[in-house]
Amino acid sequence: MNGVISVKDKEIAVINREITVINRKNSAIKGNIGEKIQMLKVKIDLFYLTNSKKEGGGVIWNRNRFHH
């Protein structure tokens, strides 16, 4: 084509750039969701740690206070 880019090729290039932008946004969203899931897991672990009975002495951990 003697260095001339067809309209079809230009349209394909534009679409490919748009797809790349969308893929980057999707990756960022997935990463953000992954971080939120991890934070939720930590909160759940802390909840169980602070609200469960410790074996042996029957001590209940609740809001950083010891209750016998």
PDB file of N, CA and C in Angstrom:
ATOM      1  N   MET A   1       0.820  -1.196   0.000  1.00  0.00           N
ATOM      2  CA  MET A   1       0.000   0.000   0.000  1.00  0.00           C
ATOM      3  C   MET A   1       0.858   1.252   0.000  1.00  0.00           C
ATOM      4  N   ASN A   2       2.151   1.109  -0.219  1.00  0.00           N
ATOM      5  CA  ASN A   2       3.058   2.249  -0.357  1.00  0.00           C
ATOM      6  C   ASN A   2       3.041   3.175   0.861  1.00  0.00           C
ATOM      7  N   GLY A   3       2.987   2.615   2.051  1.00  0.00           N
ATOM      8  CA  GLY A   3       3.040   3.434   3.259  1.00  0.00           C
ATOM      9  C   GLY A   3       1.740   4.128   3.611  1.00  0.00           C
ATOM     10  N   VAL A   4       0.693   3.883   2.872  1.00  0.00           N
ATOM     11  CA  VAL A   4      -0.597   4.507   3.158  1.00  0.00           C
ATOM     12  C   VAL A   4      -1.400   3.558   4.043  1.00  0.00           C
ATOM     13  N   ILE A   5      -1.905   4.098   5.152  1.00  0.00           N
ATOM     14  CA  ILE A   5      -2.701   3.280   6.069  1.00  0.00           C
ATOM     15  C   ILE A   5      -4.166   3.441   5.694  1.00  0.00           C
ATOM     16  N   SER A   6      -4.826   2.316   5.520  1.00  0.00           N
ATOM     17  CA  SER A   6      -6.233   2.360   5.121  1.00  0.00           C
ATOM     18  C   SER A   6      -7.105   2.828   6.287  1.00  0.00           C
ATOM     19  N   VAL A   7      -8.291   3.273   5.949  1.00  0.00           N
ATOM     20  CA  VAL A   7      -9.263   3.699   6.960  1.00  0.00           C
ATOM     21  C   VAL A   7      -9.589   2.536   7.887  1.00  0.00           C
ATOM     22  N   LYS A   8      -9.711   1.350   7.308  1.00  0.00           N
ATOM     23  CA  LYS A   8     -10.015   0.157   8.100  1.00  0.00           C
ATOM     24  C   LYS A   8      -8.910  -0.090   9.128  1.00  0.00           C
ATOM     25  N   ASP A   9      -7.644   0.012   8.708  1.00  0.00           N
ATOM     26  CA  ASP A   9      -6.523  -0.189   9.625  1.00  0.00           C
ATOM     27  C   ASP A   9      -6.510   0.870  10.733  1.00  0.00           C
ATOM     28  N   LYS A  10      -6.848   2.115  10.388  1.00  0.00           N
ATOM     29  CA  LYS A  10      -6.917   3.174  11.395  1.00  0.00           C
ATOM     30  C   LYS A  10      -8.016   2.877  12.413  1.00  0.00           C
ATOM     31  N   GLU A  11      -9.167   2.419  11.921  1.00  0.00           N
ATOM     32  CA  GLU A  11     -10.281   2.087  12.813  1.00  0.00           C
ATOM     33  C   GLU A  11      -9.911   0.929  13.738  1.00  0.00           C
ATOM     34  N   ILE A  12      -9.215  -0.048  13.192  1.00  0.00           N
ATOM     35  CA  ILE A  12      -8.772  -1.189  14.002  1.00  0.00           C
ATOM     36  C   ILE A  12      -7.801  -0.719  15.079  1.00  0.00           C
ATOM     37  N   ALA A  13      -6.898   0.186  14.720  1.00  0.00           N
ATOM     38  CA  ALA A  13      -5.934   0.712  15.691  1.00  0.00           C
ATOM     39  C   ALA A  13      -6.642   1.466  16.818  1.00  0.00           C
ATOM     40  N   VAL A  14      -7.651   2.252  16.475  1.00  0.00           N
ATOM     41  CA  VAL A  14      -8.420   2.993  17.487  1.00  0.00           C
ATOM     42  C   VAL A  14      -9.139   2.022  18.415  1.00  0.00           C
ATOM     43  N   ILE A  15      -9.771   1.012  17.840  1.00  0.00           N
ATOM     44  CA  ILE A  15     -10.484   0.012  18.642  1.00  0.00           C
ATOM     45  C   ILE A  15      -9.514  -0.722  19.561  1.00  0.00           C
ATOM     46  N   ASN A  16      -8.352  -1.083  19.051  1.00  0.00           N
ATOM     47  CA  ASN A  16      -7.357  -1.769  19.880  1.00  0.00           C
ATOM     48  C   ASN A  16      -6.895  -0.899  21.051  1.00  0.00           C
ATOM     49  N   ARG A  17      -6.732   0.413  20.804  1.00  0.00           N
ATOM     50  CA  ARG A  17      -6.357   1.318  21.898  1.00  0.00           C
ATOM     51  C   ARG A  17      -7.473   1.390  22.935  1.00  0.00           C
ATOM     52  N   GLU A  18      -8.719   1.438  22.475  1.00  0.00           N
ATOM     53  CA  GLU A  18      -9.859   1.472  23.400  1.00  0.00           C
ATOM     54  C   GLU A  18      -9.931   0.187  24.226  1.00  0.00           C
ATOM     55  N   ILE A  19      -9.668  -0.936  23.593  1.00  0.00           N
ATOM     56  CA  ILE A  19      -9.652  -2.220  24.304  1.00  0.00           C
ATOM     57  C   ILE A  19      -8.554  -2.218  25.364  1.00  0.00           C
ATOM     58  N   THR A  20      -7.396  -1.675  25.026  1.00  0.00           N
ATOM     59  CA  THR A  20      -6.285  -1.599  25.982  1.00  0.00           C
ATOM     60  C   THR A  20      -6.674  -0.762  27.195  1.00  0.00           C
ATOM     61  N   VAL A  21      -7.326   0.370  26.967  1.00  0.00           N
ATOM     62  CA  VAL A  21      -7.769   1.231  28.072  1.00  0.00           C
ATOM     63  C   VAL A  21      -8.765   0.486  28.955  1.00  0.00           C
ATOM     64  N   ILE A  22      -9.715  -0.194  28.342  1.00  0.00           N
ATOM     65  CA  ILE A  22     -10.721  -0.955  29.096  1.00  0.00           C
ATOM     66  C   ILE A  22     -10.053  -2.064  29.901  1.00  0.00           C
ATOM     67  N   ASN A  23      -9.110  -2.769  29.297  1.00  0.00           N
ATOM     68  CA  ASN A  23      -8.407  -3.844  30.005  1.00  0.00           C
ATOM     69  C   ASN A  23      -7.646  -3.307  31.214  1.00  0.00           C
ATOM     70  N   ARG A  24      -7.024  -2.139  31.058  1.00  0.00           N
ATOM     71  CA  ARG A  24      -6.307  -1.539  32.194  1.00  0.00           C
ATOM     72  C   ARG A  24      -7.272  -1.173  33.313  1.00  0.00           C
ATOM     73  N   LYS A  25      -8.425  -0.609  32.944  1.00  0.00           N
ATOM     74  CA  LYS A  25      -9.431  -0.255  33.959  1.00  0.00           C
ATOM     75  C   LYS A  25      -9.925  -1.511  34.670  1.00  0.00           C
ATOM     76  N   ASN A  26     -10.178  -2.571  33.911  1.00  0.00           N
ATOM     77  CA  ASN A  26     -10.641  -3.822  34.510  1.00  0.00           C
ATOM     78  C   ASN A  26      -9.600  -4.396  35.459  1.00  0.00           C
ATOM     79  N   SER A  27      -8.333  -4.328  35.076  1.00  0.00           N
ATOM     80  CA  SER A  27      -7.262  -4.825  35.945  1.00  0.00           C
ATOM     81  C   SER A  27      -7.204  -4.019  37.237  1.00  0.00           C
ATOM     82  N   ALA A  28      -7.366  -2.710  37.127  1.00  0.00           N
ATOM     83  CA  ALA A  28      -7.350  -1.855  38.319  1.00  0.00           C
ATOM     84  C   ALA A  28      -8.529  -2.178  39.224  1.00  0.00           C
ATOM     85  N   ILE A  29      -9.693  -2.402  38.631  1.00  0.00           N
ATOM     86  CA  ILE A  29     -10.883  -2.743  39.413  1.00  0.00           C
ATOM     87  C   ILE A  29     -10.681  -4.078  40.115  1.00  0.00           C
ATOM     88  N   LYS A  30     -10.162  -5.068  39.392  1.00  0.00           N
ATOM     89  CA  LYS A  30      -9.919  -6.382  39.994  1.00  0.00           C
ATOM     90  C   LYS A  30      -8.922  -6.269  41.138  1.00  0.00           C
ATOM     91  N   GLY A  31      -7.883  -5.471  40.949  1.00  0.00           N
ATOM     92  CA  GLY A  31      -6.901  -5.276  42.011  1.00  0.00           C
ATOM     93  C   GLY A  31      -7.521  -4.623  43.228  1.00  0.00           C
ATOM     94  N   ASN A  32      -8.371  -3.635  43.005  1.00  0.00           N
ATOM     95  CA  ASN A  32      -9.041  -2.935  44.094  1.00  0.00           C
ATOM     96  C   ASN A  32      -9.964  -3.885  44.849  1.00  0.00           C
ATOM     97  N   ILE A  33     -10.686  -4.722  44.121  1.00  0.00           N
ATOM     98  CA  ILE A  33     -11.571  -5.696  44.752  1.00  0.00           C
ATOM     99  C   ILE A  33     -10.752  -6.691  45.563  1.00  0.00           C
ATOM    100  N   GLY A  34      -9.626  -7.123  45.016  1.00  0.00           N
ATOM    101  CA  GLY A  34      -8.753  -8.044  45.739  1.00  0.00           C
ATOM    102  C   GLY A  34      -8.256  -7.448  47.046  1.00  0.00           C
ATOM    103  N   GLU A  35      -7.889  -6.167  47.012  1.00  0.00           N
ATOM    104  CA  GLU A  35      -7.431  -5.489  48.227  1.00  0.00           C
ATOM    105  C   GLU A  35      -8.558  -5.405  49.250  1.00  0.00           C
ATOM    106  N   LYS A  36      -9.772  -5.095  48.788  1.00  0.00           N
ATOM    107  CA  LYS A  36     -10.911  -4.987  49.705  1.00  0.00           C
ATOM    108  C   LYS A  36     -11.241  -6.342  50.326  1.00  0.00           C
ATOM    109  N   ILE A  37     -11.149  -7.401  49.539  1.00  0.00           N
ATOM    110  CA  ILE A  37     -11.386  -8.743  50.068  1.00  0.00           C
ATOM    111  C   ILE A  37     -10.347  -9.066  51.133  1.00  0.00           C
ATOM    112  N   GLN A  38      -9.093  -8.735  50.876  1.00  0.00           N
ATOM    113  CA  GLN A  38      -8.031  -8.996  51.849  1.00  0.00           C
ATOM    114  C   GLN A  38      -8.267  -8.215  53.134  1.00  0.00           C
ATOM    115  N   MET A  39      -8.671  -6.945  53.025  1.00  0.00           N
ATOM    116  CA  MET A  39      -8.947  -6.142  54.214  1.00  0.00           C
ATOM    117  C   MET A  39     -10.113  -6.735  54.999  1.00  0.00           C
ATOM    118  N   LEU A  40     -11.132  -7.226  54.296  1.00  0.00           N
ATOM    119  CA  LEU A  40     -12.276  -7.850  54.956  1.00  0.00           C
ATOM    120  C   LEU A  40     -11.845  -9.108  55.702  1.00  0.00           C
ATOM    121  N   LYS A  41     -10.974  -9.909  55.094  1.00  0.00           N
ATOM    122  CA  LYS A  41     -10.470 -11.111  55.764  1.00  0.00           C
ATOM    123  C   LYS A  41      -9.734 -10.747  57.050  1.00  0.00           C
ATOM    124  N   VAL A  42      -8.933  -9.682  57.005  1.00  0.00           N
ATOM    125  CA  VAL A  42      -8.214  -9.240  58.199  1.00  0.00           C
ATOM    126  C   VAL A  42      -9.206  -8.804  59.272  1.00  0.00           C
ATOM    127  N   LYS A  43     -10.241  -8.062  58.873  1.00  0.00           N
ATOM    128  CA  LYS A  43     -11.249  -7.618  59.841  1.00  0.00           C
ATOM    129  C   LYS A  43     -11.976  -8.809  60.461  1.00  0.00           C
ATOM    130  N   ILE A  44     -12.290  -9.801  59.648  1.00  0.00           N
ATOM    131  CA  ILE A  44     -12.956 -11.000  60.162  1.00  0.00           C
ATOM    132  C   ILE A  44     -12.044 -11.723  61.145  1.00  0.00           C
ATOM    133  N   ASP A  45     -10.773 -11.864  60.793  1.00  0.00           N
ATOM    134  CA  ASP A  45      -9.816 -12.508  61.697  1.00  0.00           C
ATOM    135  C   ASP A  45      -9.727 -11.752  63.021  1.00  0.00           C
ATOM    136  N   LEU A  46      -9.663 -10.433  62.953  1.00  0.00           N
ATOM    137  CA  LEU A  46      -9.594  -9.632  64.174  1.00  0.00           C
ATOM    138  C   LEU A  46     -10.870  -9.766  64.989  1.00  0.00           C
ATOM    139  N   PHE A  47     -12.006  -9.826  64.313  1.00  0.00           N
ATOM    140  CA  PHE A  47     -13.281 -10.006  65.009  1.00  0.00           C
ATOM    141  C   PHE A  47     -13.282 -11.309  65.794  1.00  0.00           C
ATOM    142  N   TYR A  48     -12.878 -12.395  65.134  1.00  0.00           N
ATOM    143  CA  TYR A  48     -12.860 -13.685  65.822  1.00  0.00           C
ATOM    144  C   TYR A  48     -11.826 -13.707  66.939  1.00  0.00           C
ATOM    145  N   LEU A  49     -10.713 -13.043  66.728  1.00  0.00           N
ATOM    146  CA  LEU A  49      -9.679 -12.990  67.756  1.00  0.00           C
ATOM    147  C   LEU A  49     -10.181 -12.242  68.987  1.00  0.00           C
ATOM    148  N   THR A  50     -10.891 -11.149  68.776  1.00  0.00           N
ATOM    149  CA  THR A  50     -11.345 -10.331  69.901  1.00  0.00           C
ATOM    150  C   THR A  50     -12.621 -10.855  70.530  1.00  0.00           C
ATOM    151  N   ASN A  51     -13.305 -11.786  69.893  1.00  0.00           N
ATOM    152  CA  ASN A  51     -14.577 -12.277  70.417  1.00  0.00           C
ATOM    153  C   ASN A  51     -14.590 -13.772  70.696  1.00  0.00           C
ATOM    154  N   SER A  52     -13.452 -14.405  70.711  1.00  0.00           N
ATOM    155  CA  SER A  52     -13.419 -15.844  70.960  1.00  0.00           C
ATOM    156  C   SER A  52     -12.818 -16.130  72.325  1.00  0.00           C
ATOM    157  N   LYS A  53     -13.173 -17.288  72.878  1.00  0.00           N
ATOM    158  CA  LYS A  53     -12.616 -17.693  74.172  1.00  0.00           C
ATOM    159  C   LYS A  53     -11.230 -18.274  73.951  1.00  0.00           C
ATOM    160  N   LYS A  54     -10.323 -17.873  74.809  1.00  0.00           N
ATOM    161  CA  LYS A  54      -8.968 -18.401  74.750  1.00  0.00           C
ATOM    162  C   LYS A  54      -8.952 -19.725  75.512  1.00  0.00           C
ATOM    163  N   GLU A  55      -8.380 -20.749  74.922  1.00  0.00           N
ATOM    164  CA  GLU A  55      -8.363 -22.070  75.549  1.00  0.00           C
ATOM    165  C   GLU A  55      -7.554 -22.051  76.833  1.00  0.00           C
ATOM    166  N   GLY A  56      -7.957 -22.883  77.778  1.00  0.00           N
ATOM    167  CA  GLY A  56      -7.209 -23.034  79.020  1.00  0.00           C
ATOM    168  C   GLY A  56      -7.818 -22.241  80.155  1.00  0.00           C
ATOM    169  N   GLY A  57      -7.724 -20.939  80.118  1.00  0.00           N
ATOM    170  CA  GLY A  57      -8.188 -20.122  81.230  1.00  0.00           C
ATOM    171  C   GLY A  57      -9.603 -19.622  81.093  1.00  0.00           C
ATOM    172  N   GLY A  58     -10.238 -19.866  79.986  1.00  0.00           N
ATOM    173  CA  GLY A  58     -11.589 -19.368  79.787  1.00  0.00           C
ATOM    174  C   GLY A  58     -11.650 -17.852  79.682  1.00  0.00           C
ATOM    175  N   VAL A  59     -10.576 -17.247  79.252  1.00  0.00           N
ATOM    176  CA  VAL A  59     -10.527 -15.792  79.132  1.00  0.00           C
ATOM    177  C   VAL A  59     -11.182 -15.378  77.824  1.00  0.00           C
ATOM    178  N   ILE A  60     -12.061 -14.393  77.888  1.00  0.00           N
ATOM    179  CA  ILE A  60     -12.705 -13.875  76.685  1.00  0.00           C
ATOM    180  C   ILE A  60     -12.002 -12.570  76.303  1.00  0.00           C
ATOM    181  N   TRP A  61     -11.513 -12.525  75.086  1.00  0.00           N
ATOM    182  CA  TRP A  61     -10.878 -11.313  74.582  1.00  0.00           C
ATOM    183  C   TRP A  61     -11.976 -10.455  73.979  1.00  0.00           C
ATOM    184  N   ASN A  62     -12.164  -9.261  74.518  1.00  0.00           N
ATOM    185  CA  ASN A  62     -13.207  -8.395  73.994  1.00  0.00           C
ATOM    186  C   ASN A  62     -12.763  -6.940  74.120  1.00  0.00           C
ATOM    187  N   ARG A  63     -12.539  -6.305  73.015  1.00  0.00           N
ATOM    188  CA  ARG A  63     -12.147  -4.897  72.962  1.00  0.00           C
ATOM    189  C   ARG A  63     -10.952  -4.599  73.865  1.00  0.00           C
ATOM    190  N   ASN A  64      -9.954  -5.461  73.789  1.00  0.00           N
ATOM    191  CA  ASN A  64      -8.697  -5.290  74.521  1.00  0.00           C
ATOM    192  C   ASN A  64      -8.862  -5.304  76.038  1.00  0.00           C
ATOM    193  N   ARG A  65      -9.928  -5.905  76.541  1.00  0.00           N
ATOM    194  CA  ARG A  65     -10.130  -6.050  77.985  1.00  0.00           C
ATOM    195  C   ARG A  65     -10.211  -7.529  78.310  1.00  0.00           C
ATOM    196  N   PHE A  66      -9.718  -7.902  79.469  1.00  0.00           N
ATOM    197  CA  PHE A  66      -9.808  -9.288  79.919  1.00  0.00           C
ATOM    198  C   PHE A  66     -11.042  -9.442  80.800  1.00  0.00           C
ATOM    199  N   HIS A  67     -11.859 -10.441  80.509  1.00  0.00           N
ATOM    200  CA  HIS A  67     -13.020 -10.763  81.334  1.00  0.00           C
ATOM    201  C   HIS A  67     -12.889 -12.206  81.759  1.00  0.00           C
ATOM    202  N   HIS A  68     -12.955 -12.470  83.058  1.00  0.00           N
ATOM    203  CA  HIS A  68     -12.850 -13.849  83.567  1.00  0.00           C
ATOM    204  C   HIS A  68     -14.219 -14.383  83.911  1.00  0.00           C
TER     205      HIS A  68
END
